[in-house]
Amino acid sequence: MQSWFKLREACAQCGLRFERDEEEDYWLGAYLLNFIVTEVLFALILAVVIVITWPEPAWMTAVWIGVVQMCVTPILFYPFAKALWLAIDLVFRPVA
């Protein structure tokens, strides 16, 4: 059974491989996209916690929410980051 967070090796319709093997550092783009989304989401959550609890910001609440979010988001978003990075890569380097 296919895991919900793992990409298939290739498209069932056209056979396009989702891993661009010719590039050793291809994973770096997906990693960077995943990192950016995680950090931006953390900044948004932090801003919301500070605004909601102003004038006495709940720093410990923000820290614990941040710890959980920073651990969970990269794991859950990684397959989407790989798929998005593949889409971006295909725009700039289409399959011949």
PDB file of N, CA and C in Angstrom:
ATOM      1  N   MET A   1       0.839  -1.183   0.000  1.00  0.00           N
ATOM      2  CA  MET A   1       0.000   0.000   0.000  1.00  0.00           C
ATOM      3  C   MET A   1       0.883   1.246   0.000  1.00  0.00           C
ATOM      4  N   GLN A   2       0.541   2.214  -0.817  1.00  0.00           N
ATOM      5  CA  GLN A   2       1.298   3.471  -0.933  1.00  0.00           C
ATOM      6  C   GLN A   2       1.055   4.334   0.292  1.00  0.00           C
ATOM      7  N   SER A   3       2.120   4.834   0.881  1.00  0.00           N
ATOM      8  CA  SER A   3       1.985   5.733   2.016  1.00  0.00           C
ATOM      9  C   SER A   3       1.494   7.083   1.514  1.00  0.00           C
ATOM     10  N   TRP A   4       0.682   7.779   2.312  1.00  0.00           N
ATOM     11  CA  TRP A   4       0.101   9.045   1.879  1.00  0.00           C
ATOM     12  C   TRP A   4       1.124  10.153   1.790  1.00  0.00           C
ATOM     13  N   PHE A   5       2.273  10.039   2.451  1.00  0.00           N
ATOM     14  CA  PHE A   5       3.257  11.115   2.424  1.00  0.00           C
ATOM     15  C   PHE A   5       4.478  10.784   1.588  1.00  0.00           C
ATOM     16  N   LYS A   6       4.394   9.757   0.769  1.00  0.00           N
ATOM     17  CA  LYS A   6       5.517   9.401  -0.100  1.00  0.00           C
ATOM     18  C   LYS A   6       5.079   9.569  -1.553  1.00  0.00           C
ATOM     19  N   LEU A   7       5.903  10.233  -2.328  1.00  0.00           N
ATOM     20  CA  LEU A   7       5.590  10.402  -3.743  1.00  0.00           C
ATOM     21  C   LEU A   7       5.776   9.083  -4.491  1.00  0.00           C
ATOM     22  N   ARG A   8       4.993   8.904  -5.504  1.00  0.00           N
ATOM     23  CA  ARG A   8       5.189   7.745  -6.379  1.00  0.00           C
ATOM     24  C   ARG A   8       6.482   7.956  -7.168  1.00  0.00           C
ATOM     25  N   GLU A   9       7.015   6.880  -7.710  1.00  0.00           N
ATOM     26  CA  GLU A   9       8.254   7.007  -8.481  1.00  0.00           C
ATOM     27  C   GLU A   9       8.025   7.695  -9.817  1.00  0.00           C
ATOM     28  N   ALA A  10       6.861   7.453 -10.418  1.00  0.00           N
ATOM     29  CA  ALA A  10       6.580   8.033 -11.729  1.00  0.00           C
ATOM     30  C   ALA A  10       5.079   8.250 -11.881  1.00  0.00           C
ATOM     31  N   CYS A  11       4.728   9.126 -12.816  1.00  0.00           N
ATOM     32  CA  CYS A  11       3.328   9.404 -13.115  1.00  0.00           C
ATOM     33  C   CYS A  11       2.689   8.170 -13.765  1.00  0.00           C
ATOM     34  N   ALA A  12       1.494   7.803 -13.322  1.00  0.00           N
ATOM     35  CA  ALA A  12       0.808   6.630 -13.872  1.00  0.00           C
ATOM     36  C   ALA A  12       0.358   6.865 -15.311  1.00  0.00           C
ATOM     37  N   GLN A  13       0.130   8.125 -15.697  1.00  0.00           N
ATOM     38  CA  GLN A  13      -0.367   8.435 -17.029  1.00  0.00           C
ATOM     39  C   GLN A  13       0.747   8.563 -18.070  1.00  0.00           C
ATOM     40  N   CYS A  14       1.747   9.404 -17.754  1.00  0.00           N
ATOM     41  CA  CYS A  14       2.762   9.718 -18.767  1.00  0.00           C
ATOM     42  C   CYS A  14       4.127   9.085 -18.487  1.00  0.00           C
ATOM     43  N   GLY A  15       4.324   8.544 -17.295  1.00  0.00           N
ATOM     44  CA  GLY A  15       5.591   7.900 -16.971  1.00  0.00           C
ATOM     45  C   GLY A  15       6.689   8.852 -16.525  1.00  0.00           C
ATOM     46  N   LEU A  16       6.379  10.141 -16.326  1.00  0.00           N
ATOM     47  CA  LEU A  16       7.385  11.108 -15.877  1.00  0.00           C
ATOM     48  C   LEU A  16       7.907  10.705 -14.508  1.00  0.00           C
ATOM     49  N   ARG A  17       9.226  10.577 -14.403  1.00  0.00           N
ATOM     50  CA  ARG A  17       9.840  10.230 -13.113  1.00  0.00           C
ATOM     51  C   ARG A  17       9.858  11.472 -12.230  1.00  0.00           C
ATOM     52  N   PHE A  18       9.471  11.300 -10.973  1.00  0.00           N
ATOM     53  CA  PHE A  18       9.404  12.424 -10.045  1.00  0.00           C
ATOM     54  C   PHE A  18      10.749  12.766  -9.434  1.00  0.00           C
ATOM     55  N   GLU A  19      11.696  11.868  -9.496  1.00  0.00           N
ATOM     56  CA  GLU A  19      13.052  12.153  -9.025  1.00  0.00           C
ATOM     57  C   GLU A  19      13.894  12.510 -10.242  1.00  0.00           C
ATOM     58  N   ARG A  20      14.508  13.683 -10.216  1.00  0.00           N
ATOM     59  CA  ARG A  20      15.369  14.096 -11.329  1.00  0.00           C
ATOM     60  C   ARG A  20      16.776  13.610 -11.032  1.00  0.00           C
ATOM     61  N   ASP A  21      17.054  12.354 -11.373  1.00  0.00           N
ATOM     62  CA  ASP A  21      18.302  11.684 -10.994  1.00  0.00           C
ATOM     63  C   ASP A  21      19.553  12.323 -11.578  1.00  0.00           C
ATOM     64  N   GLU A  22      19.425  13.039 -12.669  1.00  0.00           N
ATOM     65  CA  GLU A  22      20.631  13.612 -13.282  1.00  0.00           C
ATOM     66  C   GLU A  22      21.252  14.707 -12.418  1.00  0.00           C
ATOM     67  N   GLU A  23      20.511  15.192 -11.476  1.00  0.00           N
ATOM     68  CA  GLU A  23      21.022  16.228 -10.580  1.00  0.00           C
ATOM     69  C   GLU A  23      21.237  15.632  -9.198  1.00  0.00           C
ATOM     70  N   GLU A  24      22.487  15.613  -8.731  1.00  0.00           N
ATOM     71  CA  GLU A  24      22.775  15.054  -7.417  1.00  0.00           C
ATOM     72  C   GLU A  24      22.140  15.881  -6.302  1.00  0.00           C
ATOM     73  N   ASP A  25      22.070  17.176  -6.486  1.00  0.00           N
ATOM     74  CA  ASP A  25      21.547  18.039  -5.429  1.00  0.00           C
ATOM     75  C   ASP A  25      20.101  18.461  -5.680  1.00  0.00           C
ATOM     76  N   TYR A  26      19.341  17.666  -6.402  1.00  0.00           N
ATOM     77  CA  TYR A  26      17.963  18.015  -6.713  1.00  0.00           C
ATOM     78  C   TYR A  26      17.127  18.153  -5.442  1.00  0.00           C
ATOM     79  N   TRP A  27      17.401  17.346  -4.452  1.00  0.00           N
ATOM     80  CA  TRP A  27      16.636  17.375  -3.205  1.00  0.00           C
ATOM     81  C   TRP A  27      16.775  18.711  -2.483  1.00  0.00           C
ATOM     82  N   LEU A  28      17.834  19.468  -2.773  1.00  0.00           N
ATOM     83  CA  LEU A  28      18.081  20.716  -2.072  1.00  0.00           C
ATOM     84  C   LEU A  28      16.963  21.742  -2.300  1.00  0.00           C
ATOM     85  N   GLY A  29      16.419  21.797  -3.485  1.00  0.00           N
ATOM     86  CA  GLY A  29      15.323  22.731  -3.770  1.00  0.00           C
ATOM     87  C   GLY A  29      14.078  22.408  -2.958  1.00  0.00           C
ATOM     88  N   ALA A  30      13.728  21.131  -2.886  1.00  0.00           N
ATOM     89  CA  ALA A  30      12.573  20.724  -2.090  1.00  0.00           C
ATOM     90  C   ALA A  30      12.823  20.995  -0.611  1.00  0.00           C
ATOM     91  N   TYR A  31      14.037  20.749  -0.171  1.00  0.00           N
ATOM     92  CA  TYR A  31      14.395  21.021   1.231  1.00  0.00           C
ATOM     93  C   TYR A  31      14.257  22.511   1.531  1.00  0.00           C
ATOM     94  N   LEU A  32      14.769  23.347   0.648  1.00  0.00           N
ATOM     95  CA  LEU A  32      14.702  24.790   0.849  1.00  0.00           C
ATOM     96  C   LEU A  32      13.253  25.276   0.856  1.00  0.00           C
ATOM     97  N   LEU A  33      12.438  24.797  -0.053  1.00  0.00           N
ATOM     98  CA  LEU A  33      11.029  25.173  -0.094  1.00  0.00           C
ATOM     99  C   LEU A  33      10.325  24.757   1.194  1.00  0.00           C
ATOM    100  N   ASN A  34      10.608  23.560   1.663  1.00  0.00           N
ATOM    101  CA  ASN A  34      10.038  23.064   2.914  1.00  0.00           C
ATOM    102  C   ASN A  34      10.472  23.938   4.090  1.00  0.00           C
ATOM    103  N   PHE A  35      11.736  24.314   4.123  1.00  0.00           N
ATOM    104  CA  PHE A  35      12.276  25.156   5.188  1.00  0.00           C
ATOM    105  C   PHE A  35      11.613  26.533   5.196  1.00  0.00           C
ATOM    106  N   ILE A  36      11.452  27.122   4.019  1.00  0.00           N
ATOM    107  CA  ILE A  36      10.842  28.449   3.906  1.00  0.00           C
ATOM    108  C   ILE A  36       9.396  28.417   4.403  1.00  0.00           C
ATOM    109  N   VAL A  37       8.635  27.419   3.996  1.00  0.00           N
ATOM    110  CA  VAL A  37       7.242  27.320   4.429  1.00  0.00           C
ATOM    111  C   VAL A  37       7.163  27.145   5.948  1.00  0.00           C
ATOM    112  N   THR A  38       8.040  26.316   6.499  1.00  0.00           N
ATOM    113  CA  THR A  38       8.044  26.097   7.947  1.00  0.00           C
ATOM    114  C   THR A  38       8.354  27.387   8.699  1.00  0.00           C
ATOM    115  N   GLU A  39       9.349  28.126   8.246  1.00  0.00           N
ATOM    116  CA  GLU A  39       9.731  29.365   8.925  1.00  0.00           C
ATOM    117  C   GLU A  39       8.668  30.452   8.797  1.00  0.00           C
ATOM    118  N   VAL A  40       8.065  30.581   7.634  1.00  0.00           N
ATOM    119  CA  VAL A  40       7.015  31.594   7.442  1.00  0.00           C
ATOM    120  C   VAL A  40       5.791  31.255   8.292  1.00  0.00           C
ATOM    121  N   LEU A  41       5.428  29.987   8.339  1.00  0.00           N
ATOM    122  CA  LEU A  41       4.309  29.575   9.177  1.00  0.00           C
ATOM    123  C   LEU A  41       4.599  29.862  10.647  1.00  0.00           C
ATOM    124  N   PHE A  42       5.833  29.612  11.085  1.00  0.00           N
ATOM    125  CA  PHE A  42       6.208  29.919  12.464  1.00  0.00           C
ATOM    126  C   PHE A  42       6.078  31.417  12.750  1.00  0.00           C
ATOM    127  N   ALA A  43       6.552  32.243  11.831  1.00  0.00           N
ATOM    128  CA  ALA A  43       6.467  33.689  12.014  1.00  0.00           C
ATOM    129  C   ALA A  43       5.008  34.145  12.113  1.00  0.00           C
ATOM    130  N   LEU A  44       4.137  33.579  11.290  1.00  0.00           N
ATOM    131  CA  LEU A  44       2.724  33.933  11.335  1.00  0.00           C
ATOM    132  C   LEU A  44       2.078  33.510  12.651  1.00  0.00           C
ATOM    133  N   ILE A  45       2.382  32.300  13.099  1.00  0.00           N
ATOM    134  CA  ILE A  45       1.836  31.821  14.373  1.00  0.00           C
ATOM    135  C   ILE A  45       2.336  32.688  15.519  1.00  0.00           C
ATOM    136  N   LEU A  46       3.619  33.018  15.505  1.00  0.00           N
ATOM    137  CA  LEU A  46       4.183  33.871  16.550  1.00  0.00           C
ATOM    138  C   LEU A  46       3.496  35.239  16.570  1.00  0.00           C
ATOM    139  N   ALA A  47       3.293  35.819  15.406  1.00  0.00           N
ATOM    140  CA  ALA A  47       2.628  37.121  15.325  1.00  0.00           C
ATOM    141  C   ALA A  47       1.202  37.045  15.861  1.00  0.00           C
ATOM    142  N   VAL A  48       0.489  35.975  15.526  1.00  0.00           N
ATOM    143  CA  VAL A  48      -0.887  35.818  16.008  1.00  0.00           C
ATOM    144  C   VAL A  48      -0.917  35.682  17.522  1.00  0.00           C
ATOM    145  N   VAL A  49      -0.029  34.871  18.077  1.00  0.00           N
ATOM    146  CA  VAL A  49       0.014  34.698  19.539  1.00  0.00           C
ATOM    147  C   VAL A  49       0.328  36.027  20.217  1.00  0.00           C
ATOM    148  N   ILE A  50       1.271  36.773  19.692  1.00  0.00           N
ATOM    149  CA  ILE A  50       1.629  38.060  20.296  1.00  0.00           C
ATOM    150  C   ILE A  50       0.475  39.048  20.205  1.00  0.00           C
ATOM    151  N   VAL A  51      -0.179  39.136  19.061  1.00  0.00           N
ATOM    152  CA  VAL A  51      -1.291  40.074  18.886  1.00  0.00           C
ATOM    153  C   VAL A  51      -2.466  39.703  19.800  1.00  0.00           C
ATOM    154  N   ILE A  52      -2.775  38.415  19.884  1.00  0.00           N
ATOM    155  CA  ILE A  52      -3.911  37.980  20.700  1.00  0.00           C
ATOM    156  C   ILE A  52      -3.660  38.229  22.183  1.00  0.00           C
ATOM    157  N   THR A  53      -2.433  38.041  22.637  1.00  0.00           N
ATOM    158  CA  THR A  53      -2.150  38.153  24.074  1.00  0.00           C
ATOM    159  C   THR A  53      -1.538  39.493  24.463  1.00  0.00           C
ATOM    160  N   TRP A  54      -1.520  40.455  23.565  1.00  0.00           N
ATOM    161  CA  TRP A  54      -0.950  41.769  23.865  1.00  0.00           C
ATOM    162  C   TRP A  54      -1.773  42.450  24.941  1.00  0.00           C
ATOM    163  N   PRO A  55      -1.290  43.138  25.909  1.00  0.00           N
ATOM    164  CA  PRO A  55       0.030  43.705  26.123  1.00  0.00           C
ATOM    165  C   PRO A  55       0.970  42.805  26.933  1.00  0.00           C
ATOM    166  N   GLU A  56       0.504  41.636  27.356  1.00  0.00           N
ATOM    167  CA  GLU A  56       1.364  40.692  28.076  1.00  0.00           C
ATOM    168  C   GLU A  56       1.535  39.445  27.208  1.00  0.00           C
ATOM    169  N   PRO A  57       2.471  39.461  26.247  1.00  0.00           N
ATOM    170  CA  PRO A  57       2.623  38.307  25.352  1.00  0.00           C
ATOM    171  C   PRO A  57       2.893  37.015  26.123  1.00  0.00           C
ATOM    172  N   ALA A  58       2.241  35.952  25.678  1.00  0.00           N
ATOM    173  CA  ALA A  58       2.395  34.632  26.293  1.00  0.00           C
ATOM    174  C   ALA A  58       3.593  33.939  25.651  1.00  0.00           C
ATOM    175  N   TRP A  59       4.787  34.277  26.119  1.00  0.00           N
ATOM    176  CA  TRP A  59       6.006  33.784  25.485  1.00  0.00           C
ATOM    177  C   TRP A  59       6.148  32.271  25.581  1.00  0.00           C
ATOM    178  N   MET A  60       5.819  31.705  26.730  1.00  0.00           N
ATOM    179  CA  MET A  60       5.958  30.245  26.869  1.00  0.00           C
ATOM    180  C   MET A  60       4.976  29.510  25.960  1.00  0.00           C
ATOM    181  N   THR A  61       3.787  30.046  25.831  1.00  0.00           N
ATOM    182  CA  THR A  61       2.822  29.453  24.899  1.00  0.00           C
ATOM    183  C   THR A  61       3.372  29.516  23.479  1.00  0.00           C
ATOM    184  N   ALA A  62       3.914  30.657  23.105  1.00  0.00           N
ATOM    185  CA  ALA A  62       4.486  30.817  21.763  1.00  0.00           C
ATOM    186  C   ALA A  62       5.646  29.854  21.547  1.00  0.00           C
ATOM    187  N   VAL A  63       6.474  29.672  22.561  1.00  0.00           N
ATOM    188  CA  VAL A  63       7.618  28.757  22.443  1.00  0.00           C
ATOM    189  C   VAL A  63       7.143  27.325  22.239  1.00  0.00           C
ATOM    190  N   TRP A  64       6.186  26.872  23.046  1.00  0.00           N
ATOM    191  CA  TRP A  64       5.734  25.481  22.922  1.00  0.00           C
ATOM    192  C   TRP A  64       4.963  25.232  21.625  1.00  0.00           C
ATOM    193  N   ILE A  65       4.160  26.188  21.231  1.00  0.00           N
ATOM    194  CA  ILE A  65       3.487  26.051  19.933  1.00  0.00           C
ATOM    195  C   ILE A  65       4.535  26.008  18.824  1.00  0.00           C
ATOM    196  N   GLY A  66       5.557  26.853  18.933  1.00  0.00           N
ATOM    197  CA  GLY A  66       6.622  26.875  17.938  1.00  0.00           C
ATOM    198  C   GLY A  66       7.401  25.575  17.881  1.00  0.00           C
ATOM    199  N   VAL A  67       7.695  24.995  19.036  1.00  0.00           N
ATOM    200  CA  VAL A  67       8.431  23.720  19.075  1.00  0.00           C
ATOM    201  C   VAL A  67       7.645  22.626  18.358  1.00  0.00           C
ATOM    202  N   VAL A  68       6.362  22.533  18.681  1.00  0.00           N
ATOM    203  CA  VAL A  68       5.522  21.518  18.048  1.00  0.00           C
ATOM    204  C   VAL A  68       5.403  21.776  16.547  1.00  0.00           C
ATOM    205  N   GLN A  69       5.156  23.031  16.194  1.00  0.00           N
ATOM    206  CA  GLN A  69       4.993  23.374  14.776  1.00  0.00           C
ATOM    207  C   GLN A  69       6.275  23.114  13.988  1.00  0.00           C
ATOM    208  N   MET A  70       7.416  23.460  14.556  1.00  0.00           N
ATOM    209  CA  MET A  70       8.694  23.261  13.856  1.00  0.00           C
ATOM    210  C   MET A  70       9.046  21.785  13.688  1.00  0.00           C
ATOM    211  N   CYS A  71       8.497  20.933  14.517  1.00  0.00           N
ATOM    212  CA  CYS A  71       8.737  19.490  14.377  1.00  0.00           C
ATOM    213  C   CYS A  71       7.757  18.839  13.407  1.00  0.00           C
ATOM    214  N   VAL A  72       6.518  19.302  13.410  1.00  0.00           N
ATOM    215  CA  VAL A  72       5.468  18.648  12.633  1.00  0.00           C
ATOM    216  C   VAL A  72       5.405  19.149  11.187  1.00  0.00           C
ATOM    217  N   THR A  73       5.499  20.447  10.983  1.00  0.00           N
ATOM    218  CA  THR A  73       5.327  21.018   9.643  1.00  0.00           C
ATOM    219  C   THR A  73       6.282  20.442   8.595  1.00  0.00           C
ATOM    220  N   PRO A  74       7.590  20.351   8.858  1.00  0.00           N
ATOM    221  CA  PRO A  74       8.466  19.814   7.812  1.00  0.00           C
ATOM    222  C   PRO A  74       8.138  18.375   7.421  1.00  0.00           C
ATOM    223  N   ILE A  75       7.692  17.589   8.373  1.00  0.00           N
ATOM    224  CA  ILE A  75       7.353  16.190   8.084  1.00  0.00           C
ATOM    225  C   ILE A  75       6.095  16.117   7.227  1.00  0.00           C
ATOM    226  N   LEU A  76       5.081  16.874   7.606  1.00  0.00           N
ATOM    227  CA  LEU A  76       3.815  16.824   6.870  1.00  0.00           C
ATOM    228  C   LEU A  76       3.882  17.519   5.515  1.00  0.00           C
ATOM    229  N   PHE A  77       4.688  18.565   5.405  1.00  0.00           N
ATOM    230  CA  PHE A  77       4.723  19.345   4.165  1.00  0.00           C
ATOM    231  C   PHE A  77       5.734  18.805   3.146  1.00  0.00           C
ATOM    232  N   TYR A  78       6.652  17.940   3.549  1.00  0.00           N
ATOM    233  CA  TYR A  78       7.722  17.500   2.651  1.00  0.00           C
ATOM    234  C   TYR A  78       7.237  16.925   1.315  1.00  0.00           C
ATOM    235  N   PRO A  79       6.248  16.030   1.293  1.00  0.00           N
ATOM    236  CA  PRO A  79       5.813  15.533  -0.023  1.00  0.00           C
ATOM    237  C   PRO A  79       5.270  16.635  -0.925  1.00  0.00           C
ATOM    238  N   PHE A  80       4.589  17.611  -0.324  1.00  0.00           N
ATOM    239  CA  PHE A  80       4.071  18.729  -1.109  1.00  0.00           C
ATOM    240  C   PHE A  80       5.217  19.610  -1.606  1.00  0.00           C
ATOM    241  N   ALA A  81       6.244  19.774  -0.783  1.00  0.00           N
ATOM    242  CA  ALA A  81       7.409  20.556  -1.193  1.00  0.00           C
ATOM    243  C   ALA A  81       8.110  19.885  -2.367  1.00  0.00           C
ATOM    244  N   LYS A  82       8.235  18.562  -2.322  1.00  0.00           N
ATOM    245  CA  LYS A  82       8.866  17.850  -3.449  1.00  0.00           C
ATOM    246  C   LYS A  82       8.053  18.012  -4.721  1.00  0.00           C
ATOM    247  N   ALA A  83       6.725  17.888  -4.606  1.00  0.00           N
ATOM    248  CA  ALA A  83       5.871  18.022  -5.783  1.00  0.00           C
ATOM    249  C   ALA A  83       5.909  19.451  -6.330  1.00  0.00           C
ATOM    250  N   LEU A  84       5.868  20.441  -5.439  1.00  0.00           N
ATOM    251  CA  LEU A  84       5.947  21.831  -5.889  1.00  0.00           C
ATOM    252  C   LEU A  84       7.299  22.134  -6.529  1.00  0.00           C
ATOM    253  N   TRP A  85       8.361  21.605  -5.939  1.00  0.00           N
ATOM    254  CA  TRP A  85       9.677  21.840  -6.502  1.00  0.00           C
ATOM    255  C   TRP A  85       9.808  21.180  -7.879  1.00  0.00           C
ATOM    256  N   LEU A  86       9.228  20.006  -8.040  1.00  0.00           N
ATOM    257  CA  LEU A  86       9.234  19.355  -9.346  1.00  0.00           C
ATOM    258  C   LEU A  86       8.497  20.218 -10.363  1.00  0.00           C
ATOM    259  N   ALA A  87       7.357  20.793  -9.964  1.00  0.00           N
ATOM    260  CA  ALA A  87       6.601  21.664 -10.874  1.00  0.00           C
ATOM    261  C   ALA A  87       7.421  22.891 -11.261  1.00  0.00           C
ATOM    262  N   ILE A  88       8.076  23.495 -10.281  1.00  0.00           N
ATOM    263  CA  ILE A  88       8.930  24.659 -10.566  1.00  0.00           C
ATOM    264  C   ILE A  88      10.070  24.257 -11.493  1.00  0.00           C
ATOM    265  N   ASP A  89      10.683  23.118 -11.221  1.00  0.00           N
ATOM    266  CA  ASP A  89      11.794  22.641 -12.036  1.00  0.00           C
ATOM    267  C   ASP A  89      11.355  22.339 -13.469  1.00  0.00           C
ATOM    268  N   LEU A  90      10.155  21.789 -13.614  1.00  0.00           N
ATOM    269  CA  LEU A  90       9.661  21.472 -14.958  1.00  0.00           C
ATOM    270  C   LEU A  90       9.359  22.737 -15.775  1.00  0.00           C
ATOM    271  N   VAL A  91       9.035  23.831 -15.095  1.00  0.00           N
ATOM    272  CA  VAL A  91       8.817  25.091 -15.812  1.00  0.00           C
ATOM    273  C   VAL A  91      10.133  25.562 -16.439  1.00  0.00           C
ATOM    274  N   PHE A  92      11.214  25.439 -15.677  1.00  0.00           N
ATOM    275  CA  PHE A  92      12.510  25.940 -16.145  1.00  0.00           C
ATOM    276  C   PHE A  92      13.309  24.904 -16.945  1.00  0.00           C
ATOM    277  N   ARG A  93      13.094  23.619 -16.683  1.00  0.00           N
ATOM    278  CA  ARG A  93      13.787  22.560 -17.408  1.00  0.00           C
ATOM    279  C   ARG A  93      12.782  21.508 -17.859  1.00  0.00           C
ATOM    280  N   PRO A  94      12.019  21.803 -18.909  1.00  0.00           N
ATOM    281  CA  PRO A  94      11.000  20.830 -19.346  1.00  0.00           C
ATOM    282  C   PRO A  94      11.639  19.518 -19.824  1.00  0.00           C
ATOM    283  N   VAL A  95      10.869  18.457 -19.715  1.00  0.00           N
ATOM    284  CA  VAL A  95      11.319  17.145 -20.172  1.00  0.00           C
ATOM    285  C   VAL A  95      11.292  17.158 -21.699  1.00  0.00           C
ATOM    286  N   ALA A  96      12.366  16.716 -22.283  1.00  0.00           N
ATOM    287  CA  ALA A  96      12.458  16.723 -23.748  1.00  0.00           C
ATOM    288  C   ALA A  96      11.684  15.581 -24.356  1.00  0.00           C
TER     289      ALA A  96
END
